[in-house]
Amino acid sequence: MLYAIIPETAECKGDRQPSKLYRYSYVSGQYTYDGDGKRVKKAVPSTGETTVFAYDASGKMVAEYSTVIPQDPKVSYTTADHLGFSGNGRSQTKPSSYGRA
């Protein structure tokens, strides 16, 4: 099996977080961070997609919102729900009474 290696370079700010990602000679992604260094926005110029990241009070990412709606949207859980289920929407785990998932 052959794999193509696509050269990518990143433009980083002083905090070593990428602000732009280049594939060949064009910008493939632009990133924005908040004052705590968490990524809050990603823009992909070639597709026009913008993704916004939301965090809870403890700083854990709880949601992503995109301007591009997929053809087959799926729900994915990043935190446990009120019944104790957690997972990625496809495989879910529920903690047992013994503390095992």
Protein backbone atom coordinates (compact mmCIF):
# COMPACT_ATOMS: atom_id res chain seq x y z
CA MET A 1 0.00 0.00 0.00
CA LEU A 2 1.37 3.39 -0.93
CA TYR A 3 0.83 6.53 1.08
CA ALA A 4 1.37 10.06 -0.17
CA ILE A 5 3.22 12.36 2.17
CA ILE A 6 1.82 15.85 2.00
CA PRO A 7 4.22 18.52 3.23
CA GLU A 8 2.73 20.75 5.89
CA THR A 9 4.23 23.62 7.81
CA ALA A 10 2.84 25.53 10.77
CA GLU A 11 3.16 29.19 11.64
CA CYS A 12 3.31 29.42 15.42
CA LYS A 13 2.98 32.31 17.83
CA GLY A 14 5.19 32.86 20.86
CA ASP A 15 3.26 30.28 22.89
CA ARG A 16 4.10 27.56 20.31
CA GLN A 17 0.46 27.08 19.30
CA PRO A 18 -0.16 26.99 15.53
CA SER A 19 -1.96 30.04 14.19
CA LYS A 20 -1.83 28.92 10.54
CA LEU A 21 -1.27 25.56 8.91
CA TYR A 22 0.10 25.51 5.36
CA ARG A 23 -0.23 22.61 2.94
CA TYR A 24 2.14 23.18 0.04
CA SER A 25 1.85 26.95 -0.47
CA TYR A 26 -1.75 27.63 0.60
CA VAL A 27 -3.30 28.10 4.05
CA SER A 28 -5.18 24.94 5.02
CA GLY A 29 -6.22 26.10 8.49
CA GLN A 30 -6.26 29.17 10.71
CA TYR A 31 -6.60 28.93 14.49
CA THR A 32 -7.65 31.41 17.19
CA TYR A 33 -7.01 30.96 20.94
CA ASP A 34 -8.43 32.62 24.04
CA GLY A 35 -6.39 34.20 26.86
CA ASP A 36 -5.98 30.81 28.57
CA GLY A 37 -4.49 29.24 25.45
CA LYS A 38 -7.53 27.14 24.53
CA ARG A 39 -8.43 26.88 20.85
CA VAL A 40 -11.72 28.71 20.32
CA LYS A 41 -11.98 28.86 16.52
CA LYS A 42 -10.72 26.99 13.46
CA ALA A 43 -11.21 28.27 9.91
CA VAL A 44 -10.57 26.26 6.73
CA PRO A 45 -10.33 28.75 3.83
CA SER A 46 -10.55 26.13 1.06
CA THR A 47 -14.00 24.91 2.20
CA GLY A 48 -15.26 28.00 4.00
CA GLU A 49 -15.83 25.93 7.14
CA THR A 50 -15.52 27.61 10.53
CA THR A 51 -15.58 25.59 13.74
CA VAL A 52 -16.11 27.19 17.15
CA PHE A 53 -15.11 25.32 20.32
CA ALA A 54 -17.03 25.76 23.62
CA TYR A 55 -15.61 25.04 27.08
CA ASP A 56 -17.20 24.60 30.50
CA ALA A 57 -16.15 26.53 33.64
CA SER A 58 -13.37 24.01 34.41
CA GLY A 59 -11.83 24.46 30.95
CA LYS A 60 -12.95 21.13 29.45
CA MET A 61 -14.13 21.27 25.84
CA VAL A 62 -17.84 20.42 25.80
CA ALA A 63 -18.98 21.27 22.25
CA GLU A 64 -17.90 22.04 18.69
CA TYR A 65 -20.08 24.06 16.34
CA SER A 66 -19.41 24.04 12.60
CA THR A 67 -20.75 26.10 9.71
CA VAL A 68 -20.74 22.99 7.49
CA ILE A 69 -23.49 20.45 8.14
CA PRO A 70 -22.51 16.87 7.24
CA GLN A 71 -24.76 14.77 4.99
CA ASP A 72 -25.20 12.19 7.75
CA PRO A 73 -25.07 14.12 11.06
CA LYS A 74 -24.26 12.12 14.19
CA VAL A 75 -24.61 12.95 17.85
CA SER A 76 -21.48 12.54 19.89
CA TYR A 77 -21.24 12.91 23.66
CA THR A 78 -18.12 14.49 25.09
CA THR A 79 -19.33 14.34 28.71
CA ALA A 80 -21.47 11.93 30.71
CA ASP A 81 -25.23 12.39 30.47
CA HIS A 82 -27.69 12.36 33.39
CA LEU A 83 -27.79 8.52 33.38
CA GLY A 84 -24.02 8.14 33.65
CA PHE A 85 -23.43 7.23 29.99
CA SER A 86 -20.35 8.59 28.29
CA GLY A 87 -18.71 7.87 24.96
CA ASN A 88 -18.53 9.10 21.39
CA GLY A 89 -22.11 8.39 20.32
CA ARG A 90 -21.27 5.05 18.69
CA SER A 91 -19.92 3.18 21.68
CA GLN A 92 -21.27 4.10 25.06
CA THR A 93 -20.26 2.92 28.50
CA LYS A 94 -22.18 3.01 31.74
CA PRO A 95 -20.30 2.76 35.02
CA SER A 96 -21.13 -0.35 37.05
CA SER A 97 -21.84 -0.36 40.76
CA TYR A 98 -18.24 -1.52 41.25
CA GLY A 99 -16.79 1.54 39.52
CA ARG A 100 -15.84 -0.27 36.31
CA ALA A 101 -16.98 0.99 32.92
